[in-house]
Amino acid sequence: MSGGEVLLQTLNNNLPWLICSLIHKFGNKENEKEYNEFIEDLKRITPKNFEPKGNIFVFYR
């Protein structure tokens, strides 16, 4: 199971807890082909009715 799959499963969980993830570790933007394959894999494994649960805060630097 890929890190992206684990993150999607975690975001789809109803349990109230804190999740921290370094999303820049997913995919490799420097390798366009690898990055595009990563994005397509995420789209493929994301359930059609997927909706993240709880409050989500994104910190960007």
PDB file of N, CA and C in Angstrom:
ATOM      1  N   MET A   1       0.853  -1.174   0.000  1.00  0.00           N
ATOM      2  CA  MET A   1       0.000   0.000   0.000  1.00  0.00           C
ATOM      3  C   MET A   1       0.897   1.235   0.000  1.00  0.00           C
ATOM      4  N   SER A   2       0.598   2.170  -0.891  1.00  0.00           N
ATOM      5  CA  SER A   2       1.425   3.367  -1.009  1.00  0.00           C
ATOM      6  C   SER A   2       1.111   4.364   0.097  1.00  0.00           C
ATOM      7  N   GLY A   3       2.021   5.306   0.318  1.00  0.00           N
ATOM      8  CA  GLY A   3       1.796   6.353   1.310  1.00  0.00           C
ATOM      9  C   GLY A   3       0.560   7.177   0.999  1.00  0.00           C
ATOM     10  N   GLY A   4       0.309   7.408  -0.296  1.00  0.00           N
ATOM     11  CA  GLY A   4      -0.878   8.147  -0.699  1.00  0.00           C
ATOM     12  C   GLY A   4      -2.152   7.402  -0.339  1.00  0.00           C
ATOM     13  N   GLU A   5      -2.140   6.074  -0.513  1.00  0.00           N
ATOM     14  CA  GLU A   5      -3.296   5.262  -0.146  1.00  0.00           C
ATOM     15  C   GLU A   5      -3.562   5.328   1.354  1.00  0.00           C
ATOM     16  N   VAL A   6      -2.497   5.229   2.132  1.00  0.00           N
ATOM     17  CA  VAL A   6      -2.634   5.296   3.592  1.00  0.00           C
ATOM     18  C   VAL A   6      -3.206   6.651   4.006  1.00  0.00           C
ATOM     19  N   LEU A   7      -2.728   7.732   3.403  1.00  0.00           N
ATOM     20  CA  LEU A   7      -3.235   9.062   3.735  1.00  0.00           C
ATOM     21  C   LEU A   7      -4.715   9.183   3.387  1.00  0.00           C
ATOM     22  N   LEU A   8      -5.128   8.699   2.208  1.00  0.00           N
ATOM     23  CA  LEU A   8      -6.540   8.754   1.826  1.00  0.00           C
ATOM     24  C   LEU A   8      -7.406   7.957   2.795  1.00  0.00           C
ATOM     25  N   GLN A   9      -6.959   6.767   3.192  1.00  0.00           N
ATOM     26  CA  GLN A   9      -7.717   5.966   4.151  1.00  0.00           C
ATOM     27  C   GLN A   9      -7.826   6.692   5.488  1.00  0.00           C
ATOM     28  N   THR A  10      -6.750   7.323   5.911  1.00  0.00           N
ATOM     29  CA  THR A  10      -6.744   8.048   7.174  1.00  0.00           C
ATOM     30  C   THR A  10      -7.684   9.241   7.124  1.00  0.00           C
ATOM     31  N   LEU A  11      -7.678   9.982   6.025  1.00  0.00           N
ATOM     32  CA  LEU A  11      -8.563  11.135   5.878  1.00  0.00           C
ATOM     33  C   LEU A  11     -10.029  10.732   5.797  1.00  0.00           C
ATOM     34  N   ASN A  12     -10.279   9.495   5.404  1.00  0.00           N
ATOM     35  CA  ASN A  12     -11.643   8.999   5.272  1.00  0.00           C
ATOM     36  C   ASN A  12     -12.147   8.357   6.570  1.00  0.00           C
ATOM     37  N   ASN A  13     -11.328   8.362   7.607  1.00  0.00           N
ATOM     38  CA  ASN A  13     -11.664   7.749   8.889  1.00  0.00           C
ATOM     39  C   ASN A  13     -12.451   8.734   9.748  1.00  0.00           C
ATOM     40  N   ASN A  14     -13.446   8.255  10.479  1.00  0.00           N
ATOM     41  CA  ASN A  14     -14.286   9.111  11.313  1.00  0.00           C
ATOM     42  C   ASN A  14     -13.737   9.364  12.711  1.00  0.00           C
ATOM     43  N   LEU A  15     -12.679   8.709  13.090  1.00  0.00           N
ATOM     44  CA  LEU A  15     -12.156   8.881  14.442  1.00  0.00           C
ATOM     45  C   LEU A  15     -11.623  10.296  14.656  1.00  0.00           C
ATOM     46  N   PRO A  16     -11.960  10.947  15.761  1.00  0.00           N
ATOM     47  CA  PRO A  16     -11.476  12.322  16.020  1.00  0.00           C
ATOM     48  C   PRO A  16     -10.063  12.318  16.590  1.00  0.00           C
ATOM     49  N   TRP A  17      -9.100  12.607  15.772  1.00  0.00           N
ATOM     50  CA  TRP A  17      -7.726  12.685  16.224  1.00  0.00           C
ATOM     51  C   TRP A  17      -6.939  13.572  15.280  1.00  0.00           C
ATOM     52  N   LEU A  18      -5.732  13.855  15.634  1.00  0.00           N
ATOM     53  CA  LEU A  18      -4.877  14.755  14.868  1.00  0.00           C
ATOM     54  C   LEU A  18      -4.029  13.957  13.887  1.00  0.00           C
ATOM     55  N   ILE A  19      -3.985  14.413  12.652  1.00  0.00           N
ATOM     56  CA  ILE A  19      -3.185  13.772  11.607  1.00  0.00           C
ATOM     57  C   ILE A  19      -2.167  14.784  11.111  1.00  0.00           C
ATOM     58  N   CYS A  20      -0.927  14.378  11.039  1.00  0.00           N
ATOM     59  CA  CYS A  20       0.127  15.223  10.473  1.00  0.00           C
ATOM     60  C   CYS A  20       0.760  14.458   9.314  1.00  0.00           C
ATOM     61  N   SER A  21       0.956  15.139   8.197  1.00  0.00           N
ATOM     62  CA  SER A  21       1.553  14.500   7.035  1.00  0.00           C
ATOM     63  C   SER A  21       2.377  15.512   6.261  1.00  0.00           C
ATOM     64  N   LEU A  22       3.519  15.082   5.793  1.00  0.00           N
ATOM     65  CA  LEU A  22       4.364  15.913   4.945  1.00  0.00           C
ATOM     66  C   LEU A  22       4.054  15.540   3.503  1.00  0.00           C
ATOM     67  N   ILE A  23       3.120  16.274   2.902  1.00  0.00           N
ATOM     68  CA  ILE A  23       2.657  15.871   1.578  1.00  0.00           C
ATOM     69  C   ILE A  23       3.686  16.091   0.482  1.00  0.00           C
ATOM     70  N   HIS A  24       4.696  16.924   0.746  1.00  0.00           N
ATOM     71  CA  HIS A  24       5.725  17.101  -0.283  1.00  0.00           C
ATOM     72  C   HIS A  24       6.518  15.816  -0.494  1.00  0.00           C
ATOM     73  N   LYS A  25       6.365  14.855   0.402  1.00  0.00           N
ATOM     74  CA  LYS A  25       7.046  13.573   0.266  1.00  0.00           C
ATOM     75  C   LYS A  25       6.343  12.658  -0.733  1.00  0.00           C
ATOM     76  N   PHE A  26       5.127  13.017  -1.154  1.00  0.00           N
ATOM     77  CA  PHE A  26       4.364  12.203  -2.088  1.00  0.00           C
ATOM     78  C   PHE A  26       4.605  12.690  -3.505  1.00  0.00           C
ATOM     79  N   GLY A  27       4.969  11.780  -4.372  1.00  0.00           N
ATOM     80  CA  GLY A  27       5.244  12.151  -5.760  1.00  0.00           C
ATOM     81  C   GLY A  27       6.587  12.865  -5.867  1.00  0.00           C
ATOM     82  N   ASN A  28       7.069  13.026  -7.059  1.00  0.00           N
ATOM     83  CA  ASN A  28       8.356  13.676  -7.304  1.00  0.00           C
ATOM     84  C   ASN A  28       8.163  14.683  -8.421  1.00  0.00           C
ATOM     85  N   LYS A  29       7.921  15.941  -8.056  1.00  0.00           N
ATOM     86  CA  LYS A  29       7.626  16.962  -9.068  1.00  0.00           C
ATOM     87  C   LYS A  29       8.797  17.199 -10.012  1.00  0.00           C
ATOM     88  N   GLU A  30      10.000  16.833  -9.614  1.00  0.00           N
ATOM     89  CA  GLU A  30      11.157  17.029 -10.479  1.00  0.00           C
ATOM     90  C   GLU A  30      11.168  16.032 -11.633  1.00  0.00           C
ATOM     91  N   ASN A  31      10.472  14.902 -11.455  1.00  0.00           N
ATOM     92  CA  ASN A  31      10.337  13.903 -12.511  1.00  0.00           C
ATOM     93  C   ASN A  31       8.869  13.928 -12.940  1.00  0.00           C
ATOM     94  N   GLU A  32       8.578  14.674 -14.000  1.00  0.00           N
ATOM     95  CA  GLU A  32       7.186  14.922 -14.409  1.00  0.00           C
ATOM     96  C   GLU A  32       6.419  13.625 -14.672  1.00  0.00           C
ATOM     97  N   LYS A  33       7.045  12.657 -15.331  1.00  0.00           N
ATOM     98  CA  LYS A  33       6.368  11.389 -15.630  1.00  0.00           C
ATOM     99  C   LYS A  33       6.007  10.665 -14.335  1.00  0.00           C
ATOM    100  N   GLU A  34       6.946  10.571 -13.398  1.00  0.00           N
ATOM    101  CA  GLU A  34       6.701   9.895 -12.126  1.00  0.00           C
ATOM    102  C   GLU A  34       5.610  10.616 -11.331  1.00  0.00           C
ATOM    103  N   TYR A  35       5.659  11.935 -11.332  1.00  0.00           N
ATOM    104  CA  TYR A  35       4.667  12.729 -10.605  1.00  0.00           C
ATOM    105  C   TYR A  35       3.276  12.524 -11.197  1.00  0.00           C
ATOM    106  N   ASN A  36       3.158  12.585 -12.526  1.00  0.00           N
ATOM    107  CA  ASN A  36       1.865  12.389 -13.179  1.00  0.00           C
ATOM    108  C   ASN A  36       1.309  10.995 -12.919  1.00  0.00           C
ATOM    109  N   GLU A  37       2.173   9.983 -12.895  1.00  0.00           N
ATOM    110  CA  GLU A  37       1.744   8.623 -12.569  1.00  0.00           C
ATOM    111  C   GLU A  37       1.238   8.562 -11.135  1.00  0.00           C
ATOM    112  N   PHE A  38       1.905   9.250 -10.222  1.00  0.00           N
ATOM    113  CA  PHE A  38       1.480   9.284  -8.822  1.00  0.00           C
ATOM    114  C   PHE A  38       0.083   9.891  -8.706  1.00  0.00           C
ATOM    115  N   ILE A  39      -0.148  11.020  -9.382  1.00  0.00           N
ATOM    116  CA  ILE A  39      -1.450  11.693  -9.341  1.00  0.00           C
ATOM    117  C   ILE A  39      -2.528  10.783  -9.930  1.00  0.00           C
ATOM    118  N   GLU A  40      -2.237  10.124 -11.041  1.00  0.00           N
ATOM    119  CA  GLU A  40      -3.212   9.222 -11.650  1.00  0.00           C
ATOM    120  C   GLU A  40      -3.521   8.040 -10.736  1.00  0.00           C
ATOM    121  N   ASP A  41      -2.514   7.514 -10.032  1.00  0.00           N
ATOM    122  CA  ASP A  41      -2.746   6.431  -9.076  1.00  0.00           C
ATOM    123  C   ASP A  41      -3.669   6.900  -7.952  1.00  0.00           C
ATOM    124  N   LEU A  42      -3.447   8.115  -7.448  1.00  0.00           N
ATOM    125  CA  LEU A  42      -4.320   8.640  -6.394  1.00  0.00           C
ATOM    126  C   LEU A  42      -5.751   8.774  -6.894  1.00  0.00           C
ATOM    127  N   LYS A  43      -5.920   9.270  -8.094  1.00  0.00           N
ATOM    128  CA  LYS A  43      -7.264   9.402  -8.661  1.00  0.00           C
ATOM    129  C   LYS A  43      -7.923   8.031  -8.787  1.00  0.00           C
ATOM    130  N   ARG A  44      -7.145   7.025  -9.187  1.00  0.00           N
ATOM    131  CA  ARG A  44      -7.671   5.678  -9.392  1.00  0.00           C
ATOM    132  C   ARG A  44      -8.122   5.042  -8.082  1.00  0.00           C
ATOM    133  N   ILE A  45      -7.371   5.254  -6.993  1.00  0.00           N
ATOM    134  CA  ILE A  45      -7.696   4.589  -5.726  1.00  0.00           C
ATOM    135  C   ILE A  45      -8.655   5.384  -4.841  1.00  0.00           C
ATOM    136  N   THR A  46      -8.928   6.637  -5.198  1.00  0.00           N
ATOM    137  CA  THR A  46      -9.831   7.449  -4.397  1.00  0.00           C
ATOM    138  C   THR A  46     -11.276   7.017  -4.661  1.00  0.00           C
ATOM    139  N   PRO A  47     -12.000   6.613  -3.611  1.00  0.00           N
ATOM    140  CA  PRO A  47     -13.404   6.214  -3.807  1.00  0.00           C
ATOM    141  C   PRO A  47     -14.215   7.360  -4.418  1.00  0.00           C
ATOM    142  N   LYS A  48     -15.190   7.020  -5.238  1.00  0.00           N
ATOM    143  CA  LYS A  48     -16.013   8.028  -5.924  1.00  0.00           C
ATOM    144  C   LYS A  48     -16.720   8.945  -4.927  1.00  0.00           C
ATOM    145  N   ASN A  49     -17.112   8.422  -3.781  1.00  0.00           N
ATOM    146  CA  ASN A  49     -17.839   9.215  -2.782  1.00  0.00           C
ATOM    147  C   ASN A  49     -16.924   9.727  -1.670  1.00  0.00           C
ATOM    148  N   PHE A  50     -15.616   9.791  -1.947  1.00  0.00           N
ATOM    149  CA  PHE A  50     -14.648  10.203  -0.926  1.00  0.00           C
ATOM    150  C   PHE A  50     -14.896  11.635  -0.475  1.00  0.00           C
ATOM    151  N   GLU A  51     -14.903  11.811   0.843  1.00  0.00           N
ATOM    152  CA  GLU A  51     -14.987  13.142   1.426  1.00  0.00           C
ATOM    153  C   GLU A  51     -14.179  13.119   2.721  1.00  0.00           C
ATOM    154  N   PRO A  52     -13.116  13.938   2.823  1.00  0.00           N
ATOM    155  CA  PRO A  52     -12.327  13.950   4.050  1.00  0.00           C
ATOM    156  C   PRO A  52     -13.223  14.260   5.250  1.00  0.00           C
ATOM    157  N   LYS A  53     -12.926  13.639   6.373  1.00  0.00           N
ATOM    158  CA  LYS A  53     -13.723  13.810   7.583  1.00  0.00           C
ATOM    159  C   LYS A  53     -13.039  14.791   8.532  1.00  0.00           C
ATOM    160  N   GLY A  54     -13.821  15.524   9.303  1.00  0.00           N
ATOM    161  CA  GLY A  54     -13.282  16.410  10.330  1.00  0.00           C
ATOM    162  C   GLY A  54     -12.755  17.719   9.780  1.00  0.00           C
ATOM    163  N   ASN A  55     -12.004  18.410  10.596  1.00  0.00           N
ATOM    164  CA  ASN A  55     -11.395  19.691  10.227  1.00  0.00           C
ATOM    165  C   ASN A  55     -10.011  19.442   9.635  1.00  0.00           C
ATOM    166  N   ILE A  56      -9.743  20.074   8.512  1.00  0.00           N
ATOM    167  CA  ILE A  56      -8.436  19.910   7.860  1.00  0.00           C
ATOM    168  C   ILE A  56      -7.773  21.282   7.767  1.00  0.00           C
ATOM    169  N   PHE A  57      -6.554  21.351   8.249  1.00  0.00           N
ATOM    170  CA  PHE A  57      -5.777  22.578   8.197  1.00  0.00           C
ATOM    171  C   PHE A  57      -4.540  22.309   7.354  1.00  0.00           C
ATOM    172  N   VAL A  58      -4.292  23.155   6.392  1.00  0.00           N
ATOM    173  CA  VAL A  58      -3.126  23.008   5.523  1.00  0.00           C
ATOM    174  C   VAL A  58      -2.188  24.163   5.804  1.00  0.00           C
ATOM    175  N   PHE A  59      -0.957  23.818   6.151  1.00  0.00           N
ATOM    176  CA  PHE A  59       0.071  24.825   6.397  1.00  0.00           C
ATOM    177  C   PHE A  59       1.029  24.795   5.219  1.00  0.00           C
ATOM    178  N   TYR A  60       1.240  25.933   4.635  1.00  0.00           N
ATOM    179  CA  TYR A  60       2.091  26.021   3.450  1.00  0.00           C
ATOM    180  C   TYR A  60       3.178  27.039   3.702  1.00  0.00           C
ATOM    181  N   ARG A  61       4.353  26.685   3.327  1.00  0.00           N
ATOM    182  CA  ARG A  61       5.486  27.593   3.523  1.00  0.00           C
ATOM    183  C   ARG A  61       5.954  28.119   2.222  1.00  0.00           C
TER     184      ARG A  61
END
